Amino acid sequence: MSDGAFRDVLRRTLAPRSLALQAVGFAVGVAIVAWVVKGALDAANAPGRAGIVESVRAAWEARPWLVAGIALTTVASLVIDGALFWLVLLPVRRLAFMEIQWITFLAATSNFFPVRLGLPARYGYAMLANRMPFAEATAWFAAVTVVILVSLVAVVAATAVTPHAGAPWCVLVVAGLAAGGLLLHRFARLGPVQRIMGRWTPMITTRSTYWLGTTLRAAEVLLWIVRMWCAGEILGLGLDFATVTVLGVASIAVMLNPLGRVGFREATTVIVANWMAGGGLDVAHADAGFTQLALLESLGEMFATIPLGIVAIPMTVRWYRRRRAEASAAPAAALTP
């Protein structure tokens, strides 16, 4: 049953219309990247402005932790993302922690492909390796999405009230997470939610899971903010806390768009940075340093993510074979007198 349900998911994901939409999105994204690269090269030729390579080299000599920070925050955020998937599922099913991590690394790497395979890969592994029904896998991914949205809203709301890092900001984030938890319990009682979540509702109503999950996700948002700040410091842009927070949250939010990650993340960084600097949404005359920021932050993420994805391929295959062997052995064991 899982094999047939997965084939149905695959047909929907790889339908001609879906593939055409993603192909157009990827082409647009590549064009945006070309525009960002041109802007970054123009910035390197401007008086008093260094290129990205020169800036990274200078930072490595003076403050190497800034350069390392871009890679380390990327790796840490991916680990937290995998931990969140594992934790949300825990009230109804326990899977191996590293098993989920390898799938997460693969899904993150697929964001750089012309066709986004992250969700089909998660569905495929959950249904074929873990023998998870389609409804349970859908409830699982929906629960993770809810936790992500609650955490993002809490961080954005806290930054809107007090755009400075400190104790008041942390208190507001915690208050936002608490309010989200109360609303989520009421939300879980709604008929449409019950139809989607069914007996898997504990994934969003278990308090320990909710609090640890939202706290982890808020920490992951902070890692995105720190990565953006490191990139800005390397380039000497001097971005304030409010700016890097909005940039980090906007980068996460744009990842949810159906057209893909390539190009759209970079464009979002340029547009939001220009808007936060007082230039509005017109980026025709935006500071060229913003294009450097978009490119450096994106390259830092890519160079940290793709190697993890490559390492994850054989590890995922190993876990997949193990789970399939366990599934094959279970019926045989049940028939043994």
Protein backbone atom coordinates (compact mmCIF):
# COMPACT_ATOMS: atom_id res chain seq x y z
CA MET A 1 0.00 0.00 0.00
CA SER A 2 2.86 2.36 0.78
CA ASP A 3 4.50 1.66 -2.59
CA GLY A 4 1.29 2.55 -4.47
CA ALA A 5 0.63 5.65 -2.38
CA PHE A 6 4.20 6.82 -2.93
CA ARG A 7 3.90 6.36 -6.67
CA ASP A 8 0.81 8.55 -6.53
CA VAL A 9 2.77 11.25 -4.65
CA LEU A 10 5.58 10.96 -7.18
CA ARG A 11 3.16 11.31 -10.12
CA ARG A 12 1.71 14.47 -8.63
CA THR A 13 5.10 15.98 -7.82
CA LEU A 14 6.59 15.14 -11.22
CA ALA A 15 3.49 15.93 -13.27
CA PRO A 16 4.22 17.87 -16.48
CA ARG A 17 2.61 21.05 -15.13
CA SER A 18 4.62 20.86 -11.91
CA LEU A 19 7.87 20.18 -13.78
CA ALA A 20 7.17 23.04 -16.21
CA LEU A 21 6.50 25.44 -13.32
CA GLN A 22 9.72 24.45 -11.59
CA ALA A 23 11.69 24.66 -14.83
CA VAL A 24 10.42 28.20 -15.39
CA GLY A 25 11.17 29.03 -11.77
CA PHE A 26 14.69 27.66 -12.07
CA ALA A 27 15.32 29.63 -15.28
CA VAL A 28 14.09 32.82 -13.60
CA GLY A 29 16.21 31.99 -10.57
CA VAL A 30 19.34 31.55 -12.67
CA ALA A 31 18.67 34.91 -14.33
CA ILE A 32 18.34 36.49 -10.88
CA VAL A 33 21.61 34.91 -9.78
CA ALA A 34 23.30 36.34 -12.90
CA TRP A 35 21.97 39.78 -11.95
CA VAL A 36 23.24 39.37 -8.39
CA VAL A 37 26.66 38.22 -9.59
CA LYS A 38 26.88 41.21 -11.96
CA GLY A 39 26.00 43.52 -9.09
CA ALA A 40 28.63 41.90 -6.88
CA LEU A 41 31.28 42.29 -9.60
CA ASP A 42 30.29 45.93 -10.13
CA ALA A 43 30.62 46.48 -6.39
CA ALA A 44 34.12 44.98 -6.44
CA ASN A 45 35.15 47.52 -9.08
CA ALA A 46 33.69 50.49 -7.20
CA PRO A 47 36.13 52.87 -5.44
CA GLY A 48 36.69 51.92 -1.82
CA ARG A 49 34.90 48.59 -2.17
CA ALA A 50 36.60 45.18 -2.12
CA GLY A 51 35.43 42.05 -3.90
CA ILE A 52 33.93 39.08 -2.06
CA VAL A 53 37.08 36.98 -2.32
CA GLU A 54 39.24 39.83 -1.03
CA SER A 55 36.79 40.52 1.81
CA VAL A 56 36.69 36.86 2.84
CA ARG A 57 40.49 36.63 2.71
CA ALA A 58 40.87 39.76 4.83
CA ALA A 59 38.27 38.53 7.32
CA TRP A 60 40.01 35.14 7.55
CA GLU A 61 43.25 36.87 8.47
CA ALA A 62 41.71 39.32 10.94
CA ARG A 63 38.58 37.59 12.26
CA PRO A 64 38.53 33.97 11.02
CA TRP A 65 35.56 33.14 13.25
CA LEU A 66 33.35 35.24 10.94
CA VAL A 67 34.18 33.02 7.96
CA ALA A 68 33.87 29.85 10.02
CA GLY A 69 30.62 31.20 11.45
CA ILE A 70 28.89 31.09 8.06
CA ALA A 71 29.66 27.38 7.65
CA LEU A 72 29.07 26.39 11.27
CA THR A 73 25.71 28.14 11.54
CA THR A 74 24.59 26.42 8.34
CA VAL A 75 25.55 22.97 9.62
CA ALA A 76 24.00 23.64 13.03
CA SER A 77 20.74 24.84 11.48
CA LEU A 78 20.51 21.67 9.37
CA VAL A 79 21.09 19.50 12.43
CA ILE A 80 18.37 21.39 14.31
CA ASP A 81 16.03 20.99 11.34
CA GLY A 82 16.56 17.23 11.41
CA ALA A 83 16.13 17.17 15.18
CA LEU A 84 12.82 19.01 14.79
CA PHE A 85 11.48 16.39 12.38
CA TRP A 86 12.57 13.62 14.77
CA LEU A 87 11.12 15.36 17.81
CA VAL A 88 7.71 16.20 16.31
CA LEU A 89 7.20 12.56 15.31
CA LEU A 90 8.33 11.23 18.70
CA PRO A 91 4.89 11.23 20.44
CA VAL A 92 3.55 8.73 17.88
CA ARG A 93 6.62 6.97 16.47
CA ARG A 94 10.31 6.71 17.37
CA LEU A 95 12.81 6.65 14.51
CA ALA A 96 16.60 6.72 14.67
CA PHE A 97 17.90 10.26 15.15
CA MET A 98 20.69 10.00 12.57
CA GLU A 99 18.34 8.34 10.10
CA ILE A 100 16.30 11.56 10.01
CA GLN A 101 19.45 13.70 9.89
CA TRP A 102 20.70 12.07 6.69
CA ILE A 103 17.34 12.57 5.00
CA THR A 104 17.37 16.20 6.11
CA PHE A 105 20.81 16.77 4.57
CA LEU A 106 19.61 15.25 1.29
CA ALA A 107 16.43 17.35 1.28
CA ALA A 108 18.42 20.54 1.92
CA THR A 109 20.84 19.76 -0.90
CA SER A 110 17.96 19.19 -3.32
CA ASN A 111 16.98 22.86 -2.89
CA PHE A 112 19.81 23.69 -5.29
CA PHE A 113 18.45 21.38 -8.02
CA PRO A 114 16.26 22.52 -10.95
CA VAL A 115 13.48 20.29 -9.57
CA ARG A 116 12.84 20.38 -5.85
CA LEU A 117 12.97 16.81 -4.61
CA GLY A 118 13.08 17.47 -0.87
CA LEU A 119 9.43 16.75 -0.13
CA PRO A 120 9.14 13.72 -2.49
CA ALA A 121 12.34 12.34 -0.93
CA ARG A 122 10.91 12.71 2.56
CA TYR A 123 7.62 11.11 1.49
CA GLY A 124 9.42 8.33 -0.32
CA TYR A 125 11.66 7.43 2.59
CA ALA A 126 8.88 7.69 5.18
CA MET A 127 6.49 5.51 3.17
CA LEU A 128 8.89 3.00 1.61
CA ALA A 129 11.55 2.63 4.31
CA ASN A 130 9.60 3.40 7.49
CA ARG A 131 6.35 1.86 6.14
CA MET A 132 4.51 5.00 7.15
CA PRO A 133 0.97 5.51 5.78
CA PHE A 134 0.49 8.51 3.52
CA ALA A 135 -1.84 10.14 6.05
CA GLU A 136 0.72 9.82 8.84
CA ALA A 137 3.53 11.24 6.71
CA THR A 138 1.30 14.16 5.68
CA ALA A 139 0.32 14.81 9.31
CA TRP A 140 4.00 14.70 10.28
CA PHE A 141 5.06 17.27 7.68
CA ALA A 142 2.05 19.47 8.50
CA ALA A 143 2.94 19.41 12.21
CA VAL A 144 6.55 20.42 11.47
CA THR A 145 5.29 23.27 9.27
CA VAL A 146 3.04 24.52 12.08
CA VAL A 147 5.95 24.54 14.54
CA ILE A 148 8.09 26.44 12.03
CA LEU A 149 5.41 29.08 11.44
CA VAL A 150 4.79 29.62 15.17
CA SER A 151 8.51 30.15 15.77
CA LEU A 152 8.88 32.55 12.84
CA VAL A 153 5.90 34.63 13.98
CA ALA A 154 7.26 34.79 17.53
CA VAL A 155 10.67 36.04 16.36
CA VAL A 156 9.20 38.60 13.93
CA ALA A 157 6.74 39.93 16.52
CA ALA A 158 9.46 40.29 19.16
CA THR A 159 11.72 42.13 16.71
CA ALA A 160 8.89 44.47 15.71
CA VAL A 161 8.35 45.44 19.35
CA THR A 162 12.00 45.72 20.37
CA PRO A 163 14.48 45.61 17.47
CA HIS A 164 17.49 45.02 19.72
CA ALA A 165 19.05 41.82 21.01
CA GLY A 166 18.70 41.42 24.76
CA ALA A 167 16.59 40.11 27.62
CA PRO A 168 13.37 41.94 26.59
CA TRP A 169 13.59 40.45 23.10
CA CYS A 170 14.08 36.94 24.53
CA VAL A 171 11.15 37.39 26.91
CA LEU A 172 8.91 38.45 24.02
CA VAL A 173 9.95 35.44 21.95
CA VAL A 174 9.12 33.09 24.84
CA ALA A 175 5.79 34.87 25.32
CA GLY A 176 5.05 34.45 21.64
CA LEU A 177 5.84 30.74 21.80
CA ALA A 178 3.57 30.38 24.85
CA ALA A 179 0.72 32.16 23.08
CA GLY A 180 1.30 29.97 20.05
CA GLY A 181 1.05 26.86 22.21
CA LEU A 182 -2.29 27.94 23.67
CA LEU A 183 -3.68 28.74 20.23
CA LEU A 184 -2.35 25.48 18.84
CA HIS A 185 -4.25 23.42 21.41
CA ARG A 186 -7.47 25.17 20.40
CA PHE A 187 -6.54 24.88 16.73
CA ALA A 188 -6.08 21.11 17.11
CA ARG A 189 -9.74 20.73 18.11
CA LEU A 190 -11.03 22.14 14.81
CA GLY A 191 -12.75 19.71 12.47
CA PRO A 192 -10.49 20.25 9.41
CA VAL A 193 -7.39 19.82 11.59
CA GLN A 194 -8.78 16.63 13.09
CA ARG A 195 -9.41 15.28 9.60
CA ILE A 196 -5.79 15.93 8.62
CA MET A 197 -4.08 14.96 11.87
CA GLY A 198 -6.47 12.27 13.13
CA ARG A 199 -4.83 9.99 15.67
CA TRP A 200 -1.54 11.76 15.05
CA THR A 201 -2.74 14.98 16.72
CA PRO A 202 -0.27 14.45 19.66
CA MET A 203 2.46 15.61 17.28
CA ILE A 204 1.17 19.17 17.75
CA THR A 205 -0.46 18.94 21.17
CA THR A 206 2.21 17.20 23.28
CA ARG A 207 3.51 20.07 25.41
CA SER A 208 7.05 18.83 25.87
CA THR A 209 7.36 18.26 22.12
CA TYR A 210 5.88 21.66 21.32
CA TRP A 211 8.10 23.61 23.69
CA LEU A 212 11.30 21.85 22.76
CA GLY A 213 10.42 21.97 19.06
CA THR A 214 9.56 25.66 18.95
CA THR A 215 12.59 26.52 21.07
CA LEU A 216 14.83 24.58 18.71
CA ARG A 217 13.28 26.30 15.71
CA ALA A 218 13.68 29.73 17.32
CA ALA A 219 17.33 28.84 17.90
CA GLU A 220 17.60 27.86 14.23
CA VAL A 221 16.17 31.24 13.21
CA LEU A 222 18.87 32.85 15.37
CA LEU A 223 21.48 30.83 13.49
CA TRP A 224 20.18 32.21 10.18
CA ILE A 225 20.38 35.69 11.67
CA VAL A 226 23.94 35.10 12.87
CA ARG A 227 24.94 33.78 9.43
CA MET A 228 23.55 36.89 7.78
CA TRP A 229 25.34 39.07 10.33
CA CYS A 230 28.66 37.25 9.72
CA ALA A 231 28.31 37.84 5.97
CA GLY A 232 27.53 41.52 6.55
CA GLU A 233 30.51 41.93 8.88
CA ILE A 234 32.86 40.27 6.39
CA LEU A 235 31.72 42.80 3.79
CA GLY A 236 31.87 45.70 6.25
CA LEU A 237 28.18 46.62 5.85
CA GLY A 238 27.55 47.20 9.57
CA LEU A 239 24.00 45.81 9.61
CA ASP A 240 22.00 46.26 12.82
CA PHE A 241 20.11 43.54 14.68
CA ALA A 242 16.69 44.45 13.26
CA THR A 243 18.00 44.32 9.69
CA VAL A 244 19.74 40.94 9.99
CA THR A 245 16.70 39.53 11.82
CA VAL A 246 14.30 40.55 9.06
CA LEU A 247 16.75 39.32 6.44
CA GLY A 248 17.10 35.96 8.16
CA VAL A 249 13.35 35.47 8.58
CA ALA A 250 12.66 36.59 5.00
CA SER A 251 15.24 34.08 3.73
CA ILE A 252 13.49 31.28 5.59
CA ALA A 253 10.03 32.35 4.42
CA VAL A 254 10.98 32.56 0.74
CA MET A 255 12.17 28.95 0.87
CA LEU A 256 8.50 27.95 1.01
CA ASN A 257 7.76 29.32 -2.47
CA PRO A 258 6.88 26.70 -5.13
CA LEU A 259 9.34 28.01 -7.73
CA GLY A 260 12.51 26.96 -5.93
CA ARG A 261 15.34 28.33 -3.86
CA VAL A 262 17.96 29.35 -6.44
CA GLY A 263 17.79 33.06 -7.20
CA PHE A 264 14.73 33.83 -5.11
CA ARG A 265 16.66 33.74 -1.83
CA GLU A 266 19.27 36.09 -3.28
CA ALA A 267 16.66 38.48 -4.68
CA THR A 268 14.85 38.53 -1.34
CA THR A 269 18.06 39.46 0.47
CA VAL A 270 18.75 42.37 -1.90
CA ILE A 271 15.17 43.67 -1.82
CA VAL A 272 14.73 43.40 1.96
CA ALA A 273 18.17 44.86 2.71
CA ASN A 274 17.45 47.82 0.44
CA TRP A 275 14.03 48.29 2.04
CA MET A 276 15.47 48.16 5.57
CA ALA A 277 18.12 50.69 4.56
CA GLY A 278 15.38 53.14 3.54
CA GLY A 279 15.59 52.59 -0.20
CA GLY A 280 12.14 51.05 -0.52
CA LEU A 281 11.38 48.22 -2.90
CA ASP A 282 13.09 49.84 -5.89
CA VAL A 283 16.42 48.02 -6.17
CA ALA A 284 17.51 49.71 -9.38
CA HIS A 285 19.79 51.98 -7.34
CA ALA A 286 20.35 49.71 -4.35
CA ASP A 287 23.70 49.65 -2.63
CA ALA A 288 25.82 47.16 -4.57
CA GLY A 289 27.01 45.80 -1.24
CA PHE A 290 23.60 44.18 -0.84
CA THR A 291 24.23 42.02 -3.90
CA GLN A 292 27.55 40.98 -2.39
CA LEU A 293 25.73 40.13 0.83
CA ALA A 294 23.16 38.00 -1.00
CA LEU A 295 25.85 36.14 -2.93
CA LEU A 296 28.20 35.56 0.00
CA GLU A 297 25.47 34.30 2.33
CA SER A 298 24.12 32.01 -0.38
CA LEU A 299 27.52 30.62 -1.35
CA GLY A 300 28.37 30.01 2.29
CA GLU A 301 25.20 27.98 2.72
CA MET A 302 25.77 26.06 -0.52
CA PHE A 303 29.38 25.12 0.22
CA ALA A 304 28.36 23.81 3.65
CA THR A 305 25.17 22.02 2.58
CA ILE A 306 26.15 20.18 -0.60
CA PRO A 307 29.09 18.23 0.94
CA LEU A 308 26.74 17.06 3.71
CA GLY A 309 24.24 15.99 1.05
CA ILE A 310 26.90 14.00 -0.80
CA VAL A 311 27.97 12.22 2.39
CA ALA A 312 24.29 11.56 3.19
CA ILE A 313 23.67 9.57 -0.03
CA PRO A 314 25.42 6.31 0.99
CA MET A 315 24.28 6.70 4.61
CA THR A 316 20.65 7.06 3.53
CA VAL A 317 20.94 4.08 1.21
CA ARG A 318 22.31 2.04 4.12
CA TRP A 319 19.42 3.03 6.40
CA TYR A 320 16.93 2.40 3.60
CA ARG A 321 18.21 -1.14 3.02
CA ARG A 322 18.17 -1.82 6.74
CA ARG A 323 14.56 -0.70 7.09
CA ARG A 324 13.44 -2.69 4.04
CA ALA A 325 15.20 -5.77 5.41
CA GLU A 326 13.45 -5.30 8.75
CA ALA A 327 10.09 -4.99 6.99
CA SER A 328 10.74 -8.18 5.01
CA ALA A 329 11.83 -10.09 8.09
CA ALA A 330 8.81 -9.04 10.18
CA PRO A 331 6.18 -11.09 8.25
CA ALA A 332 8.48 -14.10 8.21
CA ALA A 333 8.97 -13.84 11.99
CA ALA A 334 5.22 -13.56 12.47
CA LEU A 335 4.67 -16.85 10.58
CA THR A 336 7.28 -18.75 12.57
CA PRO A 337 5.54 -21.09 15.09
